[in-house]
C-alpha atoms as a PDB file:
ATOM      1  CA  MET A   1       0.000   0.000   0.000  1.00  0.00           C
ATOM      2  CA  LEU A   2       1.365   3.358  -1.042  1.00  0.00           C
ATOM      3  CA  ILE A   3       1.848   6.100   1.565  1.00  0.00           C
ATOM      4  CA  PHE A   4       0.993   9.672   0.598  1.00  0.00           C
ATOM      5  CA  PRO A   5       1.824  12.271   3.235  1.00  0.00           C
ATOM      6  CA  ALA A   6      -0.132  15.443   2.538  1.00  0.00           C
ATOM      7  CA  ILE A   7       0.841  19.028   1.898  1.00  0.00           C
ATOM      8  CA  ASP A   8      -2.169  21.334   1.825  1.00  0.00           C
ATOM      9  CA  LEU A   9      -1.302  24.778   0.489  1.00  0.00           C
ATOM     10  CA  LYS A  10      -3.002  28.086   1.142  1.00  0.00           C
ATOM     11  CA  ASN A  11      -1.331  31.380   0.271  1.00  0.00           C
ATOM     12  CA  GLY A  12       1.974  29.541  -0.041  1.00  0.00           C
ATOM     13  CA  GLN A  13       1.803  28.045   3.453  1.00  0.00           C
ATOM     14  CA  VAL A  14       1.488  24.442   4.613  1.00  0.00           C
ATOM     15  CA  VAL A  15      -1.808  24.339   6.481  1.00  0.00           C
ATOM     16  CA  ARG A  16      -4.381  21.943   7.878  1.00  0.00           C
ATOM     17  CA  LEU A  17      -8.126  22.212   8.267  1.00  0.00           C
ATOM     18  CA  ARG A  18     -10.487  20.306  10.523  1.00  0.00           C
ATOM     19  CA  GLN A  19     -13.351  18.612   8.676  1.00  0.00           C
ATOM     20  CA  GLY A  20     -12.796  20.900   5.696  1.00  0.00           C
ATOM     21  CA  ASP A  21     -13.770  24.036   7.609  1.00  0.00           C
ATOM     22  CA  PHE A  22     -11.760  27.003   6.305  1.00  0.00           C
ATOM     23  CA  ALA A  23     -12.392  28.788   9.604  1.00  0.00           C
ATOM     24  CA  THR A  24     -10.065  26.234  11.237  1.00  0.00           C
ATOM     25  CA  VAL A  25      -7.135  26.758   8.863  1.00  0.00           C
ATOM     26  CA  HIS A  26      -3.776  26.940  10.616  1.00  0.00           C
ATOM     27  CA  GLN A  27      -0.162  26.680   9.567  1.00  0.00           C
ATOM     28  CA  VAL A  28       1.511  23.388  10.455  1.00  0.00           C
ATOM     29  CA  ALA A  29       4.966  23.694   8.871  1.00  0.00           C
ATOM     30  CA  GLU A  30       7.370  26.501   8.093  1.00  0.00           C
ATOM     31  CA  ASP A  31       8.315  25.636   4.540  1.00  0.00           C
ATOM     32  CA  PRO A  32       6.588  23.329   2.024  1.00  0.00           C
ATOM     33  CA  LEU A  33       9.824  22.389   0.258  1.00  0.00           C
ATOM     34  CA  ASP A  34      11.547  21.450   3.530  1.00  0.00           C
ATOM     35  CA  THR A  35       8.446  19.454   4.427  1.00  0.00           C
ATOM     36  CA  ALA A  36       8.659  17.542   1.157  1.00  0.00           C
ATOM     37  CA  ARG A  37      12.338  16.844   1.750  1.00  0.00           C
ATOM     38  CA  SER A  38      11.542  15.455   5.200  1.00  0.00           C
ATOM     39  CA  PHE A  39       9.050  13.104   3.570  1.00  0.00           C
ATOM     40  CA  ALA A  40      11.703  11.874   1.161  1.00  0.00           C
ATOM     41  CA  ALA A  41      14.140  11.360   4.031  1.00  0.00           C
ATOM     42  CA  ALA A  42      11.592   9.037   5.656  1.00  0.00           C
ATOM     43  CA  GLY A  43      11.519   6.873   2.530  1.00  0.00           C
ATOM     44  CA  VAL A  44       8.411   8.358   0.960  1.00  0.00           C
ATOM     45  CA  ARG A  45       8.169   8.367  -2.831  1.00  0.00           C
ATOM     46  CA  HIS A  46       4.757   9.998  -3.233  1.00  0.00           C
ATOM     47  CA  VAL A  47       3.091  13.140  -1.907  1.00  0.00           C
ATOM     48  CA  HIS A  48      -0.527  14.255  -1.977  1.00  0.00           C
ATOM     49  CA  MET A  49      -0.846  18.001  -2.486  1.00  0.00           C
ATOM     50  CA  VAL A  50      -3.970  20.158  -2.374  1.00  0.00           C
ATOM     51  CA  ASP A  51      -4.159  23.727  -3.597  1.00  0.00           C
ATOM     52  CA  LEU A  52      -6.790  25.017  -1.185  1.00  0.00           C
ATOM     53  CA  ASP A  53      -6.925  28.358  -2.960  1.00  0.00           C
ATOM     54  CA  GLY A  54      -7.889  26.527  -6.122  1.00  0.00           C
ATOM     55  CA  ALA A  55     -10.372  24.295  -4.317  1.00  0.00           C
ATOM     56  CA  ARG A  56     -12.122  27.290  -2.788  1.00  0.00           C
ATOM     57  CA  ASP A  57     -12.336  29.720  -5.694  1.00  0.00           C
ATOM     58  CA  GLY A  58     -10.766  28.002  -8.695  1.00  0.00           C
ATOM     59  CA  ARG A  59      -7.652  30.199  -8.740  1.00  0.00           C
ATOM     60  CA  ARG A  60      -4.482  28.200  -8.148  1.00  0.00           C
ATOM     61  CA  ARG A  61      -1.740  30.362  -6.631  1.00  0.00           C
ATOM     62  CA  ASN A  62       0.864  27.824  -5.562  1.00  0.00           C
ATOM     63  CA  GLY A  63       2.368  26.652  -8.854  1.00  0.00           C
ATOM     64  CA  ASP A  64       5.939  27.639  -8.030  1.00  0.00           C
ATOM     65  CA  ILE A  65       5.820  25.560  -4.846  1.00  0.00           C
ATOM     66  CA  VAL A  66       4.366  22.571  -6.671  1.00  0.00           C
ATOM     67  CA  ARG A  67       7.126  22.787  -9.290  1.00  0.00           C
ATOM     68  CA  ALA A  68       9.818  22.953  -6.603  1.00  0.00           C
ATOM     69  CA  VAL A  69       8.422  19.893  -4.816  1.00  0.00           C
ATOM     70  CA  ALA A  70       8.282  17.987  -8.114  1.00  0.00           C
ATOM     71  CA  GLN A  71      11.978  18.736  -8.589  1.00  0.00           C
ATOM     72  CA  THR A  72      12.787  16.815  -5.397  1.00  0.00           C
ATOM     73  CA  GLY A  73      11.846  13.628  -7.254  1.00  0.00           C
ATOM     74  CA  LEU A  74       8.663  12.961  -5.288  1.00  0.00           C
ATOM     75  CA  ARG A  75       5.678  11.878  -7.352  1.00  0.00           C
ATOM     76  CA  ILE A  76       2.977  14.476  -6.820  1.00  0.00           C
ATOM     77  CA  GLU A  77      -0.717  13.789  -6.770  1.00  0.00           C
ATOM     78  CA  LEU A  78      -2.406  17.207  -6.915  1.00  0.00           C
ATOM     79  CA  GLY A  79      -5.971  18.397  -6.472  1.00  0.00           C
ATOM     80  CA  GLY A  80      -7.707  21.718  -6.047  1.00  0.00           C
ATOM     81  CA  GLY A  81      -9.368  23.810  -8.745  1.00  0.00           C
ATOM     82  CA  LEU A  82      -8.821  21.427 -11.677  1.00  0.00           C
ATOM     83  CA  ARG A  83     -11.897  22.099 -13.781  1.00  0.00           C
ATOM     84  CA  THR A  84     -10.779  21.812 -17.401  1.00  0.00           C
ATOM     85  CA  LEU A  85      -8.365  19.823 -19.538  1.00  0.00           C
ATOM     86  CA  ARG A  86      -6.253  22.962 -19.775  1.00  0.00           C
ATOM     87  CA  ASP A  87      -6.022  23.143 -15.966  1.00  0.00           C
ATOM     88  CA  ILE A  88      -4.792  19.559 -15.927  1.00  0.00           C
ATOM     89  CA  GLU A  89      -2.270  20.239 -18.673  1.00  0.00           C
ATOM     90  CA  GLU A  90      -0.949  23.209 -16.711  1.00  0.00           C
ATOM     91  CA  VAL A  91      -0.279  21.201 -13.539  1.00  0.00           C
ATOM     92  CA  PHE A  92       1.310  18.383 -15.527  1.00  0.00           C
ATOM     93  CA  ALA A  93       3.654  21.022 -16.946  1.00  0.00           C
ATOM     94  CA  LEU A  94       4.701  21.769 -13.351  1.00  0.00           C
ATOM     95  CA  GLY A  95       5.838  18.167 -12.953  1.00  0.00           C
ATOM     96  CA  VAL A  96       2.727  16.726 -11.326  1.00  0.00           C
ATOM     97  CA  HIS A  97       2.334  12.977 -11.830  1.00  0.00           C
ATOM     98  CA  ARG A  98      -1.397  12.579 -11.177  1.00  0.00           C
ATOM     99  CA  ALA A  99      -4.208  15.126 -11.269  1.00  0.00           C
ATOM    100  CA  VAL A 100      -7.168  14.833  -8.916  1.00  0.00           C
ATOM    101  CA  ILE A 101     -10.531  15.946 -10.264  1.00  0.00           C
ATOM    102  CA  GLY A 102     -12.917  16.840  -7.450  1.00  0.00           C
ATOM    103  CA  SER A 103     -15.856  19.223  -7.770  1.00  0.00           C
ATOM    104  CA  ALA A 104     -15.661  19.236 -11.562  1.00  0.00           C
ATOM    105  CA  ALA A 105     -16.347  15.494 -11.611  1.00  0.00           C
ATOM    106  CA  VAL A 106     -19.736  16.304 -10.081  1.00  0.00           C
ATOM    107  CA  SER A 107     -20.608  19.377 -12.128  1.00  0.00           C
ATOM    108  CA  ARG A 108     -19.218  18.053 -15.421  1.00  0.00           C
ATOM    109  CA  PRO A 109     -18.704  14.281 -15.212  1.00  0.00           C
ATOM    110  CA  GLU A 110     -17.671  14.025 -18.856  1.00  0.00           C
ATOM    111  CA  LEU A 111     -14.430  15.814 -17.919  1.00  0.00           C
ATOM    112  CA  VAL A 112     -13.336  12.573 -16.262  1.00  0.00           C
ATOM    113  CA  ARG A 113     -13.838  10.592 -19.466  1.00  0.00           C
ATOM    114  CA  GLU A 114     -12.086  13.302 -21.505  1.00  0.00           C
ATOM    115  CA  ALA A 115      -9.129  13.462 -19.089  1.00  0.00           C
ATOM    116  CA  VAL A 116      -8.679   9.692 -18.994  1.00  0.00           C
ATOM    117  CA  ARG A 117      -8.699   9.576 -22.797  1.00  0.00           C
ATOM    118  CA  ALA A 118      -6.275  12.490 -23.079  1.00  0.00           C
ATOM    119  CA  PHE A 119      -3.766  11.564 -20.383  1.00  0.00           C
ATOM    120  CA  GLY A 120      -4.322   7.910 -19.456  1.00  0.00           C
ATOM    121  CA  SER A 121      -6.154   6.408 -16.516  1.00  0.00           C
ATOM    122  CA  ASP A 122      -3.074   6.202 -14.271  1.00  0.00           C
ATOM    123  CA  ARG A 123      -2.576   9.976 -14.374  1.00  0.00           C
ATOM    124  CA  ILE A 124      -6.126  10.864 -13.364  1.00  0.00           C
ATOM    125  CA  ALA A 125      -7.844  10.344 -10.015  1.00  0.00           C
ATOM    126  CA  VAL A 126     -11.288  11.354  -8.851  1.00  0.00           C
ATOM    127  CA  GLY A 127     -11.626  12.779  -5.372  1.00  0.00           C
ATOM    128  CA  ILE A 128     -14.762  11.697  -3.541  1.00  0.00           C
ATOM    129  CA  ASP A 129     -15.290  13.919  -0.508  1.00  0.00           C
ATOM    130  CA  ALA A 130     -18.307  12.779   1.487  1.00  0.00           C
ATOM    131  CA  LYS A 131     -20.253  13.880   4.534  1.00  0.00           C
ATOM    132  CA  ASP A 132     -23.315  12.046   5.853  1.00  0.00           C
ATOM    133  CA  GLY A 133     -22.984   9.665   2.918  1.00  0.00           C
ATOM    134  CA  ARG A 134     -23.261  12.371   0.237  1.00  0.00           C
ATOM    135  CA  VAL A 135     -20.625  13.934  -1.992  1.00  0.00           C
ATOM    136  CA  ARG A 136     -19.553  17.497  -1.148  1.00  0.00           C
ATOM    137  CA  THR A 137     -18.075  20.006  -3.594  1.00  0.00           C
ATOM    138  CA  ALA A 138     -16.578  23.533  -3.703  1.00  0.00           C
ATOM    139  CA  GLY A 139     -14.058  22.967  -0.952  1.00  0.00           C
ATOM    140  CA  TRP A 140     -16.510  20.678   0.882  1.00  0.00           C
ATOM    141  CA  VAL A 141     -19.072  23.435   1.511  1.00  0.00           C
ATOM    142  CA  GLU A 142     -21.774  22.384  -0.976  1.00  0.00           C
ATOM    143  CA  ASP A 143     -23.877  19.231  -0.658  1.00  0.00           C
ATOM    144  CA  SER A 144     -24.358  17.665  -4.096  1.00  0.00           C
ATOM    145  CA  GLY A 145     -27.038  15.291  -2.821  1.00  0.00           C
ATOM    146  CA  LEU A 146     -25.268  12.405  -4.572  1.00  0.00           C
ATOM    147  CA  PRO A 147     -24.725   9.198  -2.555  1.00  0.00           C
ATOM    148  CA  PHE A 148     -20.994   8.507  -2.633  1.00  0.00           C
ATOM    149  CA  ILE A 149     -21.432   4.885  -3.724  1.00  0.00           C
ATOM    150  CA  ASP A 150     -23.551   5.854  -6.724  1.00  0.00           C
ATOM    151  CA  PHE A 151     -21.059   8.557  -7.626  1.00  0.00           C
ATOM    152  CA  ALA A 152     -18.131   6.130  -7.411  1.00  0.00           C
ATOM    153  CA  ARG A 153     -19.871   3.710  -9.762  1.00  0.00           C
ATOM    154  CA  ARG A 154     -20.521   6.528 -12.213  1.00  0.00           C
ATOM    155  CA  MET A 155     -16.866   7.545 -12.143  1.00  0.00           C
ATOM    156  CA  GLU A 156     -15.767   3.976 -12.799  1.00  0.00           C
ATOM    157  CA  ASP A 157     -18.148   3.830 -15.764  1.00  0.00           C
ATOM    158  CA  LEU A 158     -16.465   6.966 -17.133  1.00  0.00           C
ATOM    159  CA  GLY A 159     -13.062   5.287 -17.024  1.00  0.00           C
ATOM    160  CA  ALA A 160     -11.647   6.349 -13.652  1.00  0.00           C
ATOM    161  CA  GLU A 161      -9.307   3.780 -12.130  1.00  0.00           C
ATOM    162  CA  HIS A 162      -8.131   5.809  -9.122  1.00  0.00           C
ATOM    163  CA  LEU A 163     -10.573   7.042  -6.475  1.00  0.00           C
ATOM    164  CA  ILE A 164      -9.559   9.031  -3.400  1.00  0.00           C
ATOM    165  CA  PHE A 165     -12.186   8.802  -0.680  1.00  0.00           C
ATOM    166  CA  THR A 166     -12.195  11.424   2.056  1.00  0.00           C
ATOM    167  CA  ASP A 167     -14.637  11.104   4.909  1.00  0.00           C
ATOM    168  CA  ILE A 168     -15.146  14.725   5.952  1.00  0.00           C
ATOM    169  CA  ASP A 169     -16.470  13.785   9.370  1.00  0.00           C
ATOM    170  CA  THR A 170     -13.137  12.179  10.273  1.00  0.00           C
ATOM    171  CA  ASP A 171     -10.749  14.472   8.378  1.00  0.00           C
ATOM    172  CA  GLY A 172      -8.347  16.232  10.720  1.00  0.00           C
ATOM    173  CA  THR A 173      -9.838  14.585  13.806  1.00  0.00           C
ATOM    174  CA  LEU A 174      -7.370  11.730  14.426  1.00  0.00           C
ATOM    175  CA  THR A 175     -10.338   9.461  15.178  1.00  0.00           C
ATOM    176  CA  GLY A 176      -9.551   6.735  12.663  1.00  0.00           C
ATOM    177  CA  PRO A 177     -10.494   6.131   9.027  1.00  0.00           C
ATOM    178  CA  ALA A 178     -14.046   5.468   7.856  1.00  0.00           C
ATOM    179  CA  TYR A 179     -13.506   1.721   7.500  1.00  0.00           C
ATOM    180  CA  GLN A 180     -17.155   0.910   6.778  1.00  0.00           C
ATOM    181  CA  HIS A 181     -17.384   3.420   3.945  1.00  0.00           C
ATOM    182  CA  LEU A 182     -14.106   2.201   2.478  1.00  0.00           C
ATOM    183  CA  ALA A 183     -15.260  -1.422   2.638  1.00  0.00           C
ATOM    184  CA  ALA A 184     -18.529  -0.442   0.941  1.00  0.00           C
ATOM    185  CA  LEU A 185     -16.582   1.196  -1.862  1.00  0.00           C
ATOM    186  CA  GLN A 186     -14.429  -1.895  -2.264  1.00  0.00           C
ATOM    187  CA  ARG A 187     -17.579  -3.951  -2.751  1.00  0.00           C
ATOM    188  CA  ALA A 188     -19.092  -1.445  -5.182  1.00  0.00           C
ATOM    189  CA  VAL A 189     -16.199  -0.726  -7.566  1.00  0.00           C
ATOM    190  CA  SER A 190     -12.981  -2.314  -8.777  1.00  0.00           C
ATOM    191  CA  CYS A 191     -11.004   0.956  -8.812  1.00  0.00           C
ATOM    192  CA  ARG A 192      -7.802   1.497  -6.859  1.00  0.00           C
ATOM    193  CA  LEU A 193      -8.914   3.149  -3.641  1.00  0.00           C
ATOM    194  CA  THR A 194      -6.997   5.654  -1.551  1.00  0.00           C
ATOM    195  CA  ALA A 195      -8.122   6.284   2.022  1.00  0.00           C
ATOM    196  CA  SER A 196      -8.044   9.852   3.328  1.00  0.00           C
ATOM    197  CA  GLY A 197      -9.224  11.318   6.602  1.00  0.00           C
ATOM    198  CA  GLY A 198      -8.866  10.391  10.250  1.00  0.00           C
ATOM    199  CA  ILE A 199      -5.679   8.291  10.181  1.00  0.00           C
ATOM    200  CA  SER A 200      -4.164   8.651  13.636  1.00  0.00           C
ATOM    201  CA  CYS A 201      -1.546   5.945  14.190  1.00  0.00           C
ATOM    202  CA  ASN A 202       0.650   3.331  12.573  1.00  0.00           C
ATOM    203  CA  GLY A 203      -1.713   0.516  13.504  1.00  0.00           C
ATOM    204  CA  GLU A 204      -4.379   2.027  11.260  1.00  0.00           C
ATOM    205  CA  ILE A 205      -1.954   1.958   8.350  1.00  0.00           C
ATOM    206  CA  CYS A 206      -1.589  -1.783   8.868  1.00  0.00           C
ATOM    207  CA  ARG A 207      -5.359  -2.264   9.003  1.00  0.00           C
ATOM    208  CA  LEU A 208      -5.883  -0.338   5.755  1.00  0.00           C
ATOM    209  CA  ARG A 209      -3.094  -2.352   4.128  1.00  0.00           C
ATOM    210  CA  ASP A 210      -4.709  -5.603   5.249  1.00  0.00           C
ATOM    211  CA  MET A 211      -8.029  -4.431   3.778  1.00  0.00           C
ATOM    212  CA  GLY A 212      -6.320  -4.234   0.411  1.00  0.00           C
ATOM    213  CA  LEU A 213      -6.405  -0.463  -0.049  1.00  0.00           C
ATOM    214  CA  HIS A 214      -4.186   0.900  -2.806  1.00  0.00           C
ATOM    215  CA  ALA A 215      -2.932   3.908  -0.811  1.00  0.00           C
ATOM    216  CA  ALA A 216      -3.411   5.987   2.319  1.00  0.00           C
ATOM    217  CA  ILE A 217      -3.059   9.734   2.796  1.00  0.00           C
ATOM    218  CA  ILE A 218      -1.517  10.902   6.063  1.00  0.00           C
ATOM    219  CA  GLY A 219      -2.157  14.469   7.148  1.00  0.00           C
ATOM    220  CA  LYS A 220      -2.592  15.722  10.680  1.00  0.00           C
ATOM    221  CA  ALA A 221      -1.111  12.574  12.221  1.00  0.00           C
ATOM    222  CA  TYR A 222       2.242  13.429  10.686  1.00  0.00           C
ATOM    223  CA  TYR A 223       2.239  17.075  11.690  1.00  0.00           C
ATOM    224  CA  THR A 224       1.286  16.329  15.302  1.00  0.00           C
ATOM    225  CA  GLY A 225       3.870  13.537  15.622  1.00  0.00           C
ATOM    226  CA  ALA A 226       1.161  10.919  16.173  1.00  0.00           C
ATOM    227  CA  ILE A 227       2.516   8.697  13.413  1.00  0.00           C
ATOM    228  CA  ASP A 228       5.998   7.474  12.533  1.00  0.00           C
ATOM    229  CA  LEU A 229       6.193   8.170   8.810  1.00  0.00           C
ATOM    230  CA  ALA A 230       9.233   5.960   8.157  1.00  0.00           C
ATOM    231  CA  GLN A 231       7.475   3.066   9.896  1.00  0.00           C
ATOM    232  CA  ALA A 232       4.303   3.752   7.933  1.00  0.00           C
ATOM    233  CA  VAL A 233       6.283   3.430   4.718  1.00  0.00           C
ATOM    234  CA  LYS A 234       7.685   0.085   5.908  1.00  0.00           C
ATOM    235  CA  ASP A 235       4.253  -1.114   7.013  1.00  0.00           C
ATOM    236  CA  GLY A 236       2.711  -0.136   3.690  1.00  0.00           C
ATOM    237  CA  GLY A 237       5.105  -2.327   1.754  1.00  0.00           C
ATOM    238  CA  PRO A 238       6.857  -1.645  -1.561  1.00  0.00           C
ATOM    239  CA  GLN A 239       6.388   1.937  -2.678  1.00  0.00           C
END
């Protein structure tokens, strides 16, 4: 199982939010490039990055940072404000390995099919951010009304092979992943699933690995020291 430590960017700073609430935003690291280098030193090969400026209003402002992190050799998975094929092309030009389509997959599902055809299924992921069983959009503030299982099936039908599931109720809480939701997704689709939200300790990494998850995103647990990142990489297996 692949390990993706997270770097969430807002106004050039590494920040974290609790349950997607922008009112809770706070800086958690001094420098995003140093943070990325510390990931690499722990044996990490992948990093999950979110441009929160882009997620909130569609205007990505952190391209120079993303490019610098890509130059460290880490494989970047990036989401936030990717709403057109041109947006995706632009972040690939920065050195991003995989683009994450979030809100746009709800408002314009055909973008997923177009992106998979244009760039290949391995370079495109769909972010499924859910609260109370329904998909949220626009930086998690708008309820689409779509059940996350139905949405996941639709994305698979459109050609998506990578799904990133974030349970908003657990995100940033260190209360553990949403195992039941993840298991339901595993039963519903054959996509490669990445777990995001709530991971609080190394034991949970092992449990997700044993479930057969493709990857896990580690956020707050790293920045609070609750998880040993080097051990998580070992527990996940070959990266």
